[in-house]
Amino acid sequence: MTDKGLSGSSLSVTAQVQAAYPARYYAGYDATATQPAPVTAWYDTWSMSSVESLPPASQLVPISAADWANTTGFRLPAGKAVQNGGIVDYTAPPLPLATQAANALQQAATTSWAAYGMYGETPPAAWQTYLASLRVLASGADTTSTQLPAQPALSAAAMPAPGVSVRAVQKTHSEENAVLRLKQAPAPHLTQQIPTTTAGQGA
């Protein structure tokens, strides 16, 4: 295909998108949800490489160029909803207590194991009661409570020693390994590098 043909095709697609989405900027939401329905996406349709996955414009809410450019008070990743064809401020309702309890139970179990279980110790009575309360709430058996129980404090024995950081402990281990390398023949497992990884809104 010639360059002229490519240019003509591109212009044709652009014209089709502009005709299908004349307002250019839109807010997406679940058109079947009870309103106010949270905004789930913001679209600059004229700049998209493809609009094939978008709902039709009739199921989106057009917004002005000024609102699109306002990324501090209007076009936000959360806190906006669609109601009666307009965009309104929105605060999501809290999660059901049972769901909150299930999330808290998972975290509490991890904390309890790290502080006590991995050392072969039995968690204190306060922690056992806390875990049991969360378990009952998460199962839905507790229908009278209105909030989660407070997490107990960790015992002094489970807390890190004052003034001792993880880095300091790691450095000490490295120094010990260095001494060992002077006394022994080099061993592959002493010089093995541990790979590190790094982790990385879309409107």
N, C-alpha and C. Protein backbone atom coordinates (compact mmCIF):
# COMPACT_ATOMS: atom_id res chain seq x y z
N MET A 1 0.85 -1.19 0.00
CA MET A 1 0.00 0.00 0.00
C MET A 1 0.89 1.24 0.00
N THR A 2 0.51 2.27 -0.77
CA THR A 2 1.31 3.48 -0.85
C THR A 2 1.13 4.33 0.38
N ASP A 3 2.06 5.30 0.55
CA ASP A 3 1.94 6.22 1.67
C ASP A 3 0.64 6.98 1.60
N LYS A 4 0.22 7.34 0.40
CA LYS A 4 -1.03 8.06 0.23
C LYS A 4 -2.20 7.22 0.69
N GLY A 5 -2.13 5.92 0.38
CA GLY A 5 -3.20 5.02 0.80
C GLY A 5 -3.26 4.88 2.30
N LEU A 6 -2.08 4.79 2.94
CA LEU A 6 -2.02 4.69 4.39
C LEU A 6 -2.60 5.93 5.04
N SER A 7 -2.23 7.10 4.50
CA SER A 7 -2.72 8.36 5.06
C SER A 7 -4.22 8.46 4.93
N GLY A 8 -4.74 8.07 3.76
CA GLY A 8 -6.18 8.13 3.56
C GLY A 8 -6.91 7.19 4.49
N SER A 9 -6.35 5.99 4.71
CA SER A 9 -6.97 5.03 5.62
C SER A 9 -6.99 5.56 7.03
N SER A 10 -5.87 6.18 7.46
CA SER A 10 -5.78 6.73 8.81
C SER A 10 -6.80 7.83 9.01
N LEU A 11 -6.94 8.70 8.03
CA LEU A 11 -7.91 9.79 8.13
C LEU A 11 -9.33 9.24 8.20
N SER A 12 -9.58 8.16 7.47
CA SER A 12 -10.90 7.56 7.47
C SER A 12 -11.25 7.01 8.84
N VAL A 13 -10.29 6.32 9.47
CA VAL A 13 -10.52 5.76 10.80
C VAL A 13 -10.74 6.88 11.81
N THR A 14 -9.94 7.94 11.74
CA THR A 14 -10.10 9.08 12.65
C THR A 14 -11.47 9.70 12.51
N ALA A 15 -11.93 9.86 11.29
CA ALA A 15 -13.24 10.44 11.06
C ALA A 15 -14.34 9.55 11.63
N GLN A 16 -14.17 8.25 11.52
CA GLN A 16 -15.16 7.32 12.06
C GLN A 16 -15.22 7.41 13.58
N VAL A 17 -14.04 7.49 14.22
CA VAL A 17 -14.00 7.59 15.68
C VAL A 17 -14.63 8.90 16.13
N GLN A 18 -14.31 9.98 15.45
CA GLN A 18 -14.87 11.28 15.83
C GLN A 18 -16.37 11.32 15.62
N ALA A 19 -16.84 10.61 14.64
CA ALA A 19 -18.29 10.56 14.41
C ALA A 19 -18.98 9.71 15.47
N ALA A 20 -18.31 8.61 15.89
CA ALA A 20 -18.90 7.72 16.88
C ALA A 20 -18.81 8.29 18.29
N TYR A 21 -17.76 9.06 18.55
CA TYR A 21 -17.54 9.64 19.88
C TYR A 21 -17.29 11.14 19.72
N PRO A 22 -18.32 11.92 19.37
CA PRO A 22 -18.14 13.34 19.04
C PRO A 22 -17.64 14.20 20.19
N ALA A 23 -17.90 13.81 21.43
CA ALA A 23 -17.47 14.63 22.57
C ALA A 23 -15.99 14.45 22.89
N ARG A 24 -15.39 13.45 22.33
CA ARG A 24 -13.97 13.08 22.54
C ARG A 24 -13.70 12.53 23.93
N TYR A 25 -14.02 13.29 24.99
CA TYR A 25 -13.70 12.87 26.36
C TYR A 25 -14.94 12.27 27.02
N TYR A 26 -14.75 11.11 27.64
CA TYR A 26 -15.89 10.41 28.25
C TYR A 26 -15.48 9.76 29.57
N ALA A 27 -16.52 9.56 30.41
CA ALA A 27 -16.35 8.77 31.64
C ALA A 27 -17.07 7.45 31.43
N GLY A 28 -16.40 6.36 31.80
CA GLY A 28 -17.00 5.05 31.70
C GLY A 28 -17.53 4.57 33.03
N TYR A 29 -18.59 3.79 33.00
CA TYR A 29 -19.20 3.26 34.23
C TYR A 29 -20.04 2.05 33.86
N ASP A 30 -20.49 1.34 34.88
CA ASP A 30 -21.36 0.18 34.65
C ASP A 30 -22.78 0.68 34.48
N ALA A 31 -23.25 0.67 33.24
CA ALA A 31 -24.58 1.21 32.95
C ALA A 31 -25.70 0.39 33.57
N THR A 32 -25.39 -0.83 34.02
CA THR A 32 -26.43 -1.67 34.63
C THR A 32 -26.46 -1.54 36.15
N ALA A 33 -25.49 -0.83 36.72
CA ALA A 33 -25.40 -0.71 38.18
C ALA A 33 -26.37 0.33 38.72
N THR A 34 -26.72 0.17 40.00
CA THR A 34 -27.54 1.16 40.67
C THR A 34 -26.75 2.45 40.81
N GLN A 35 -27.38 3.57 40.53
CA GLN A 35 -26.68 4.85 40.62
C GLN A 35 -26.83 5.45 42.01
N PRO A 36 -25.83 6.20 42.48
CA PRO A 36 -24.63 6.57 41.73
C PRO A 36 -23.71 5.38 41.47
N ALA A 37 -23.30 5.25 40.21
CA ALA A 37 -22.43 4.16 39.79
C ALA A 37 -21.00 4.69 39.65
N PRO A 38 -20.04 4.09 40.33
CA PRO A 38 -18.67 4.60 40.28
C PRO A 38 -18.12 4.69 38.86
N VAL A 39 -17.38 5.76 38.61
CA VAL A 39 -16.66 5.89 37.34
C VAL A 39 -15.55 4.85 37.32
N THR A 40 -15.50 4.07 36.29
CA THR A 40 -14.50 3.00 36.19
C THR A 40 -13.37 3.33 35.23
N ALA A 41 -13.55 4.36 34.39
CA ALA A 41 -12.49 4.71 33.43
C ALA A 41 -12.77 6.09 32.85
N TRP A 42 -11.70 6.70 32.40
CA TRP A 42 -11.79 7.97 31.67
C TRP A 42 -11.19 7.75 30.29
N TYR A 43 -11.87 8.24 29.24
CA TYR A 43 -11.42 7.97 27.88
C TYR A 43 -11.20 9.24 27.07
N ASP A 44 -10.04 9.34 26.45
CA ASP A 44 -9.80 10.32 25.39
C ASP A 44 -9.89 9.53 24.10
N THR A 45 -11.09 9.41 23.58
CA THR A 45 -11.34 8.47 22.48
C THR A 45 -10.57 8.82 21.21
N TRP A 46 -10.35 10.10 20.96
CA TRP A 46 -9.68 10.49 19.72
C TRP A 46 -8.19 10.15 19.74
N SER A 47 -7.65 9.91 20.91
CA SER A 47 -6.22 9.59 21.01
C SER A 47 -5.96 8.10 21.17
N MET A 48 -7.01 7.30 21.24
CA MET A 48 -6.84 5.87 21.44
C MET A 48 -6.49 5.19 20.12
N SER A 49 -5.63 4.21 20.21
CA SER A 49 -5.24 3.47 19.01
C SER A 49 -6.39 2.62 18.48
N SER A 50 -7.30 2.23 19.38
CA SER A 50 -8.47 1.45 18.97
C SER A 50 -9.60 1.69 19.97
N VAL A 51 -10.80 1.78 19.46
CA VAL A 51 -11.98 1.96 20.34
C VAL A 51 -12.90 0.75 20.25
N GLU A 52 -12.37 -0.34 19.73
CA GLU A 52 -13.20 -1.53 19.53
C GLU A 52 -13.75 -2.09 20.83
N SER A 53 -12.99 -1.95 21.92
CA SER A 53 -13.43 -2.51 23.20
C SER A 53 -14.29 -1.55 24.01
N LEU A 54 -14.48 -0.33 23.53
CA LEU A 54 -15.26 0.66 24.27
C LEU A 54 -16.76 0.43 24.09
N PRO A 55 -17.56 0.77 25.11
CA PRO A 55 -19.01 0.78 24.93
C PRO A 55 -19.37 1.90 23.96
N PRO A 56 -20.54 1.87 23.39
CA PRO A 56 -20.96 2.97 22.53
C PRO A 56 -21.07 4.26 23.33
N ALA A 57 -21.01 5.39 22.64
CA ALA A 57 -21.06 6.69 23.32
C ALA A 57 -22.32 6.85 24.15
N SER A 58 -23.40 6.19 23.75
CA SER A 58 -24.66 6.29 24.49
C SER A 58 -24.57 5.68 25.88
N GLN A 59 -23.56 4.83 26.11
CA GLN A 59 -23.38 4.21 27.41
C GLN A 59 -22.22 4.84 28.19
N LEU A 60 -21.73 5.97 27.71
CA LEU A 60 -20.69 6.73 28.38
C LEU A 60 -21.22 8.12 28.71
N VAL A 61 -20.51 8.83 29.57
CA VAL A 61 -20.91 10.19 29.93
C VAL A 61 -19.88 11.16 29.36
N PRO A 62 -20.30 12.05 28.45
CA PRO A 62 -19.35 13.01 27.89
C PRO A 62 -18.92 14.04 28.92
N ILE A 63 -17.66 14.42 28.88
CA ILE A 63 -17.16 15.45 29.78
C ILE A 63 -16.42 16.51 28.96
N SER A 64 -16.29 17.69 29.52
CA SER A 64 -15.66 18.80 28.81
C SER A 64 -14.15 18.67 28.81
N ALA A 65 -13.52 19.43 27.91
CA ALA A 65 -12.06 19.44 27.86
C ALA A 65 -11.47 19.99 29.16
N ALA A 66 -12.16 20.98 29.76
CA ALA A 66 -11.68 21.55 31.02
C ALA A 66 -11.72 20.52 32.13
N ASP A 67 -12.81 19.75 32.19
CA ASP A 67 -12.90 18.70 33.21
C ASP A 67 -11.86 17.62 32.97
N TRP A 68 -11.62 17.29 31.72
CA TRP A 68 -10.61 16.29 31.41
C TRP A 68 -9.23 16.74 31.89
N ALA A 69 -8.94 18.01 31.72
CA ALA A 69 -7.63 18.54 32.11
C ALA A 69 -7.48 18.70 33.62
N ASN A 70 -8.60 18.70 34.35
CA ASN A 70 -8.56 18.89 35.80
C ASN A 70 -8.30 17.55 36.48
N THR A 71 -7.04 17.24 36.67
CA THR A 71 -6.68 15.95 37.25
C THR A 71 -6.51 16.02 38.77
N THR A 72 -6.79 17.17 39.36
CA THR A 72 -6.69 17.28 40.82
C THR A 72 -8.05 17.37 41.49
N GLY A 73 -9.08 17.78 40.76
CA GLY A 73 -10.39 17.92 41.38
C GLY A 73 -11.51 17.21 40.65
N PHE A 74 -11.25 16.74 39.42
CA PHE A 74 -12.33 16.09 38.66
C PHE A 74 -11.93 14.72 38.14
N ARG A 75 -10.97 14.68 37.24
CA ARG A 75 -10.60 13.39 36.62
C ARG A 75 -9.65 12.65 37.55
N LEU A 76 -10.26 11.98 38.51
CA LEU A 76 -9.51 11.30 39.56
C LEU A 76 -9.62 9.78 39.40
N PRO A 77 -8.67 9.04 39.95
CA PRO A 77 -8.73 7.58 39.85
C PRO A 77 -9.83 6.98 40.71
N ALA A 78 -10.38 7.74 41.65
CA ALA A 78 -11.46 7.26 42.50
C ALA A 78 -12.20 8.47 43.05
N GLY A 79 -13.42 8.23 43.57
CA GLY A 79 -14.16 9.31 44.20
C GLY A 79 -15.15 10.02 43.31
N LYS A 80 -15.41 9.49 42.10
CA LYS A 80 -16.40 10.07 41.21
C LYS A 80 -17.38 8.99 40.76
N ALA A 81 -18.62 9.41 40.50
CA ALA A 81 -19.65 8.46 40.07
C ALA A 81 -20.59 9.14 39.09
N VAL A 82 -21.36 8.31 38.40
CA VAL A 82 -22.35 8.81 37.44
C VAL A 82 -23.73 8.74 38.07
N GLN A 83 -24.46 9.84 38.00
CA GLN A 83 -25.83 9.87 38.50
C GLN A 83 -26.66 10.81 37.63
N ASN A 84 -27.73 10.27 37.08
CA ASN A 84 -28.64 11.04 36.22
C ASN A 84 -27.90 11.74 35.08
N GLY A 85 -26.93 11.05 34.50
CA GLY A 85 -26.23 11.58 33.35
C GLY A 85 -25.11 12.55 33.65
N GLY A 86 -24.82 12.79 34.94
CA GLY A 86 -23.75 13.70 35.31
C GLY A 86 -22.73 13.03 36.21
N ILE A 87 -21.65 13.73 36.46
CA ILE A 87 -20.58 13.22 37.32
C ILE A 87 -20.72 13.86 38.70
N VAL A 88 -20.76 13.05 39.73
CA VAL A 88 -20.91 13.54 41.10
C VAL A 88 -19.80 12.97 41.97
N ASP A 89 -19.57 13.64 43.11
CA ASP A 89 -18.61 13.11 44.08
C ASP A 89 -19.18 11.83 44.67
N TYR A 90 -18.29 10.93 45.03
CA TYR A 90 -18.75 9.61 45.48
C TYR A 90 -17.80 9.03 46.51
N THR A 91 -18.39 8.53 47.58
CA THR A 91 -17.63 7.80 48.58
C THR A 91 -18.13 6.36 48.60
N ALA A 92 -17.26 5.44 48.33
CA ALA A 92 -17.67 4.04 48.27
C ALA A 92 -18.13 3.57 49.64
N PRO A 93 -19.17 2.76 49.71
CA PRO A 93 -19.61 2.23 51.00
C PRO A 93 -18.55 1.29 51.56
N PRO A 94 -18.49 1.17 52.88
CA PRO A 94 -17.49 0.28 53.47
C PRO A 94 -17.75 -1.18 53.09
N LEU A 95 -16.70 -1.96 53.11
CA LEU A 95 -16.85 -3.39 52.86
C LEU A 95 -17.70 -4.02 53.94
N PRO A 96 -18.45 -5.07 53.63
CA PRO A 96 -19.19 -5.79 54.66
C PRO A 96 -18.25 -6.22 55.78
N LEU A 97 -18.78 -6.25 56.99
CA LEU A 97 -17.94 -6.58 58.15
C LEU A 97 -17.29 -7.95 57.99
N ALA A 98 -18.03 -8.91 57.43
CA ALA A 98 -17.46 -10.24 57.25
C ALA A 98 -16.25 -10.21 56.32
N THR A 99 -16.31 -9.38 55.28
CA THR A 99 -15.18 -9.25 54.36
C THR A 99 -14.00 -8.59 55.04
N GLN A 100 -14.30 -7.54 55.81
CA GLN A 100 -13.23 -6.89 56.58
C GLN A 100 -12.56 -7.88 57.52
N ALA A 101 -13.39 -8.70 58.17
CA ALA A 101 -12.85 -9.68 59.13
C ALA A 101 -11.99 -10.71 58.43
N ALA A 102 -12.41 -11.15 57.26
CA ALA A 102 -11.62 -12.14 56.52
C ALA A 102 -10.26 -11.57 56.14
N ASN A 103 -10.24 -10.31 55.71
CA ASN A 103 -8.97 -9.66 55.37
C ASN A 103 -8.09 -9.51 56.60
N ALA A 104 -8.71 -9.08 57.72
CA ALA A 104 -7.96 -8.90 58.96
C ALA A 104 -7.44 -10.23 59.49
N LEU A 105 -8.23 -11.29 59.32
CA LEU A 105 -7.82 -12.61 59.80
C LEU A 105 -6.58 -13.10 59.06
N GLN A 106 -6.55 -12.87 57.76
CA GLN A 106 -5.39 -13.28 56.98
C GLN A 106 -4.13 -12.56 57.46
N GLN A 107 -4.25 -11.25 57.69
CA GLN A 107 -3.10 -10.48 58.16
C GLN A 107 -2.71 -10.89 59.57
N ALA A 108 -3.72 -11.10 60.43
CA ALA A 108 -3.44 -11.47 61.82
C ALA A 108 -2.76 -12.83 61.91
N ALA A 109 -3.18 -13.76 61.06
CA ALA A 109 -2.56 -15.08 61.07
C ALA A 109 -1.09 -14.99 60.69
N THR A 110 -0.79 -14.15 59.70
CA THR A 110 0.60 -13.95 59.28
C THR A 110 1.42 -13.33 60.40
N THR A 111 0.85 -12.31 61.04
CA THR A 111 1.55 -11.63 62.14
C THR A 111 1.79 -12.57 63.31
N SER A 112 0.76 -13.34 63.67
CA SER A 112 0.87 -14.26 64.79
C SER A 112 1.92 -15.33 64.53
N TRP A 113 1.94 -15.86 63.32
CA TRP A 113 2.92 -16.88 62.98
C TRP A 113 4.34 -16.32 63.03
N ALA A 114 4.51 -15.11 62.48
CA ALA A 114 5.84 -14.51 62.46
C ALA A 114 6.35 -14.18 63.85
N ALA A 115 5.42 -13.84 64.76
CA ALA A 115 5.83 -13.44 66.11
C ALA A 115 5.96 -14.62 67.06
N TYR A 116 5.16 -15.67 66.85
CA TYR A 116 5.13 -16.78 67.81
C TYR A 116 5.31 -18.16 67.16
N GLY A 117 4.45 -18.46 66.22
CA GLY A 117 4.41 -19.82 65.67
C GLY A 117 5.71 -20.30 65.10
N MET A 118 6.41 -19.46 64.35
CA MET A 118 7.65 -19.90 63.71
C MET A 118 8.75 -20.21 64.73
N TYR A 119 8.54 -19.78 65.96
CA TYR A 119 9.50 -20.07 67.02
C TYR A 119 9.02 -21.20 67.93
N GLY A 120 7.93 -21.85 67.54
CA GLY A 120 7.40 -22.93 68.34
C GLY A 120 6.68 -22.47 69.58
N GLU A 121 6.32 -21.19 69.62
CA GLU A 121 5.64 -20.64 70.79
C GLU A 121 4.13 -20.58 70.55
N THR A 122 3.35 -20.73 71.61
CA THR A 122 1.90 -20.60 71.54
C THR A 122 1.54 -19.12 71.67
N PRO A 123 0.71 -18.59 70.78
CA PRO A 123 0.32 -17.19 70.89
C PRO A 123 -0.34 -16.92 72.24
N PRO A 124 -0.16 -15.74 72.80
CA PRO A 124 -0.81 -15.40 74.07
C PRO A 124 -2.33 -15.50 73.95
N ALA A 125 -2.99 -15.60 75.10
CA ALA A 125 -4.45 -15.75 75.13
C ALA A 125 -5.15 -14.62 74.39
N ALA A 126 -4.61 -13.40 74.50
CA ALA A 126 -5.24 -12.25 73.83
C ALA A 126 -5.24 -12.43 72.32
N TRP A 127 -4.15 -13.01 71.79
CA TRP A 127 -4.09 -13.25 70.36
C TRP A 127 -4.99 -14.40 69.95
N GLN A 128 -5.08 -15.42 70.76
CA GLN A 128 -5.97 -16.53 70.45
C GLN A 128 -7.42 -16.05 70.42
N THR A 129 -7.80 -15.21 71.37
CA THR A 129 -9.16 -14.66 71.41
C THR A 129 -9.42 -13.78 70.20
N TYR A 130 -8.44 -12.98 69.83
CA TYR A 130 -8.56 -12.08 68.68
C TYR A 130 -8.76 -12.87 67.39
N LEU A 131 -7.95 -13.89 67.19
CA LEU A 131 -8.07 -14.72 65.99
C LEU A 131 -9.41 -15.45 65.94
N ALA A 132 -9.86 -15.94 67.09
CA ALA A 132 -11.14 -16.64 67.14
C ALA A 132 -12.29 -15.70 66.82
N SER A 133 -12.22 -14.47 67.32
CA SER A 133 -13.28 -13.48 67.06
C SER A 133 -13.34 -13.14 65.58
N LEU A 134 -12.18 -12.97 64.97
CA LEU A 134 -12.15 -12.67 63.54
C LEU A 134 -12.69 -13.83 62.72
N ARG A 135 -12.37 -15.04 63.13
CA ARG A 135 -12.84 -16.22 62.41
C ARG A 135 -14.36 -16.31 62.44
N VAL A 136 -14.96 -16.03 63.60
CA VAL A 136 -16.42 -16.08 63.73
C VAL A 136 -17.06 -14.98 62.89
N LEU A 137 -16.46 -13.78 62.90
CA LEU A 137 -16.99 -12.69 62.09
C LEU A 137 -16.89 -13.01 60.60
N ALA A 138 -15.76 -13.54 60.19
CA ALA A 138 -15.55 -13.84 58.77
C ALA A 138 -16.51 -14.91 58.28
N SER A 139 -16.88 -15.83 59.15
CA SER A 139 -17.79 -16.91 58.74
C SER A 139 -19.24 -16.43 58.65
N GLY A 140 -19.53 -15.26 59.23
CA GLY A 140 -20.90 -14.75 59.23
C GLY A 140 -21.71 -15.21 60.41
N ALA A 141 -21.10 -16.00 61.29
CA ALA A 141 -21.82 -16.51 62.46
C ALA A 141 -22.10 -15.41 63.48
N ASP A 142 -21.21 -14.42 63.55
CA ASP A 142 -21.42 -13.28 64.45
C ASP A 142 -22.24 -12.24 63.71
N THR A 143 -23.50 -12.08 64.09
CA THR A 143 -24.39 -11.13 63.42
C THR A 143 -24.70 -9.93 64.29
N THR A 144 -24.05 -9.81 65.44
CA THR A 144 -24.35 -8.70 66.35
C THR A 144 -23.25 -7.65 66.38
N SER A 145 -22.01 -8.03 66.12
CA SER A 145 -20.91 -7.06 66.15
C SER A 145 -21.04 -6.06 65.01
N THR A 146 -20.59 -4.84 65.27
CA THR A 146 -20.65 -3.78 64.26
C THR A 146 -19.28 -3.29 63.84
N GLN A 147 -18.23 -3.80 64.48
CA GLN A 147 -16.88 -3.41 64.11
C GLN A 147 -15.90 -4.52 64.47
N LEU A 148 -14.72 -4.43 63.90
CA LEU A 148 -13.71 -5.45 64.15
C LEU A 148 -13.13 -5.29 65.55
N PRO A 149 -12.72 -6.38 66.17
CA PRO A 149 -12.04 -6.27 67.46
C PRO A 149 -10.67 -5.62 67.28
N ALA A 150 -10.18 -5.01 68.35
CA ALA A 150 -8.86 -4.37 68.30
C ALA A 150 -7.77 -5.42 68.32
N GLN A 151 -6.74 -5.21 67.53
CA GLN A 151 -5.63 -6.16 67.51
C GLN A 151 -4.79 -6.01 68.76
N PRO A 152 -4.47 -7.10 69.43
CA PRO A 152 -3.63 -7.02 70.64
C PRO A 152 -2.20 -6.59 70.28
N ALA A 153 -1.52 -6.09 71.28
CA ALA A 153 -0.11 -5.76 71.10
C ALA A 153 0.71 -7.04 71.11
N LEU A 154 1.84 -7.01 70.46
CA LEU A 154 2.76 -8.14 70.50
C LEU A 154 3.50 -8.12 71.83
N SER A 155 3.81 -9.28 72.34
CA SER A 155 4.55 -9.35 73.59
C SER A 155 5.96 -8.84 73.39
N ALA A 156 6.59 -8.42 74.47
CA ALA A 156 7.94 -7.87 74.39
C ALA A 156 8.91 -8.87 73.78
N ALA A 157 8.70 -10.15 74.06
CA ALA A 157 9.61 -11.17 73.55
C ALA A 157 9.55 -11.28 72.04
N ALA A 158 8.39 -10.89 71.46
CA ALA A 158 8.23 -11.02 70.01
C ALA A 158 8.71 -9.79 69.27
N MET A 159 9.09 -8.73 69.99
CA MET A 159 9.53 -7.51 69.35
C MET A 159 11.03 -7.57 69.08
N PRO A 160 11.52 -6.89 68.01
CA PRO A 160 12.96 -6.87 67.73
C PRO A 160 13.72 -6.21 68.87
N ALA A 161 14.92 -6.66 69.13
CA ALA A 161 15.74 -6.08 70.19
C ALA A 161 16.04 -4.62 69.87
N PRO A 162 15.94 -3.71 70.86
CA PRO A 162 16.20 -2.29 70.63
C PRO A 162 17.59 -2.07 70.07
N GLY A 163 17.67 -1.20 69.07
CA GLY A 163 18.97 -0.83 68.52
C GLY A 163 19.56 -1.83 67.56
N VAL A 164 18.88 -2.94 67.31
CA VAL A 164 19.39 -3.94 66.38
C VAL A 164 18.53 -3.92 65.13
N SER A 165 19.12 -3.55 64.02
CA SER A 165 18.37 -3.49 62.77
C SER A 165 18.66 -4.73 61.95
N VAL A 166 17.76 -5.00 61.01
CA VAL A 166 17.96 -6.15 60.12
C VAL A 166 19.25 -5.98 59.33
N ARG A 167 19.50 -4.74 58.91
CA ARG A 167 20.72 -4.49 58.13
C ARG A 167 21.96 -4.82 58.95
N ALA A 168 21.93 -4.44 60.25
CA ALA A 168 23.09 -4.72 61.09
C ALA A 168 23.31 -6.21 61.21
N VAL A 169 22.23 -6.96 61.38
CA VAL A 169 22.36 -8.41 61.49
C VAL A 169 22.90 -8.99 60.19
N GLN A 170 22.42 -8.51 59.07
CA GLN A 170 22.90 -9.01 57.78
C GLN A 170 24.37 -8.69 57.59
N LYS A 171 24.78 -7.50 58.04
CA LYS A 171 26.18 -7.12 57.91
C LYS A 171 27.06 -8.03 58.75
N THR A 172 26.59 -8.34 59.95
CA THR A 172 27.35 -9.23 60.82
C THR A 172 27.53 -10.59 60.17
N HIS A 173 26.46 -11.10 59.55
CA HIS A 173 26.56 -12.39 58.87
C HIS A 173 27.56 -12.32 57.73
N SER A 174 27.58 -11.21 57.01
CA SER A 174 28.52 -11.07 55.90
C SER A 174 29.95 -11.08 56.41
N GLU A 175 30.17 -10.41 57.54
CA GLU A 175 31.51 -10.39 58.10
C GLU A 175 31.94 -11.78 58.54
N GLU A 176 31.00 -12.53 59.12
CA GLU A 176 31.32 -13.89 59.54
C GLU A 176 31.68 -14.74 58.34
N ASN A 177 30.92 -14.57 57.24
CA ASN A 177 31.22 -15.34 56.04
C ASN A 177 32.59 -14.99 55.49
N ALA A 178 32.96 -13.69 55.61
CA ALA A 178 34.26 -13.27 55.12
C ALA A 178 35.37 -13.96 55.89
N VAL A 179 35.18 -14.10 57.21
CA VAL A 179 36.17 -14.79 58.03
C VAL A 179 36.25 -16.25 57.63
N LEU A 180 35.10 -16.86 57.39
CA LEU A 180 35.09 -18.26 56.99
C LEU A 180 35.82 -18.46 55.68
N ARG A 181 35.68 -17.52 54.76
CA ARG A 181 36.33 -17.67 53.46
C ARG A 181 37.86 -17.61 53.59
N LEU A 182 38.33 -16.91 54.64
CA LEU A 182 39.77 -16.86 54.86
C LEU A 182 40.30 -18.19 55.39
N LYS A 183 39.42 -18.91 56.10
CA LYS A 183 39.84 -20.15 56.73
C LYS A 183 39.58 -21.38 55.87
N GLN A 184 38.64 -21.24 54.93
CA GLN A 184 38.25 -22.40 54.15
C GLN A 184 38.46 -22.13 52.67
N ALA A 185 38.42 -23.18 51.90
CA ALA A 185 38.47 -23.02 50.45
C ALA A 185 37.18 -22.38 49.99
N PRO A 186 37.21 -21.57 48.94
CA PRO A 186 35.99 -20.92 48.46
C PRO A 186 34.92 -21.95 48.12
N ALA A 187 33.71 -21.65 48.55
CA ALA A 187 32.58 -22.53 48.26
C ALA A 187 31.55 -21.74 47.47
N PRO A 188 30.98 -22.33 46.43
CA PRO A 188 30.04 -21.59 45.58
C PRO A 188 28.89 -20.97 46.35
N HIS A 189 28.38 -21.68 47.36
CA HIS A 189 27.19 -21.16 48.02
C HIS A 189 27.49 -19.93 48.87
N LEU A 190 28.77 -19.67 49.16
CA LEU A 190 29.11 -18.49 49.95
C LEU A 190 29.18 -17.24 49.10
N THR A 191 29.38 -17.38 47.81
CA THR A 191 29.51 -16.22 46.95
C THR A 191 28.34 -16.08 45.99
N GLN A 192 27.33 -16.90 46.13
CA GLN A 192 26.16 -16.83 45.26
C GLN A 192 25.43 -15.52 45.45
N GLN A 193 25.14 -14.85 44.36
CA GLN A 193 24.41 -13.59 44.43
C GLN A 193 22.91 -13.87 44.44
N ILE A 194 22.22 -13.25 45.40
CA ILE A 194 20.77 -13.41 45.47
C ILE A 194 20.15 -12.39 44.54
N PRO A 195 19.39 -12.82 43.53
CA PRO A 195 18.80 -11.85 42.59
C PRO A 195 17.79 -10.99 43.30
N THR A 196 17.75 -9.73 42.91
CA THR A 196 16.76 -8.80 43.47
C THR A 196 15.80 -8.40 42.39
N THR A 197 14.60 -8.14 42.79
CA THR A 197 13.57 -7.73 41.84
C THR A 197 12.97 -6.43 42.31
N THR A 198 12.49 -5.65 41.38
CA THR A 198 11.79 -4.41 41.72
C THR A 198 10.41 -4.43 41.12
N ALA A 199 9.46 -3.88 41.82
CA ALA A 199 8.09 -3.88 41.34
C ALA A 199 7.66 -2.45 40.89
N GLY A 200 6.83 -2.24 39.76
CA GLY A 200 6.29 -0.95 39.33
C GLY A 200 4.89 -0.75 39.86
N GLN A 201 -1.91 4.35 36.95
CA GLN A 201 -3.36 4.53 37.09
C GLN A 201 -3.66 4.63 35.68
N GLY A 202 -4.27 4.29 35.45
CA GLY A 202 -4.64 4.35 34.09
C GLY A 202 -6.02 4.86 34.00
N ALA A 203 -6.18 5.85 33.19
CA ALA A 203 -7.52 6.35 33.04
C ALA A 203 -8.18 5.69 31.87
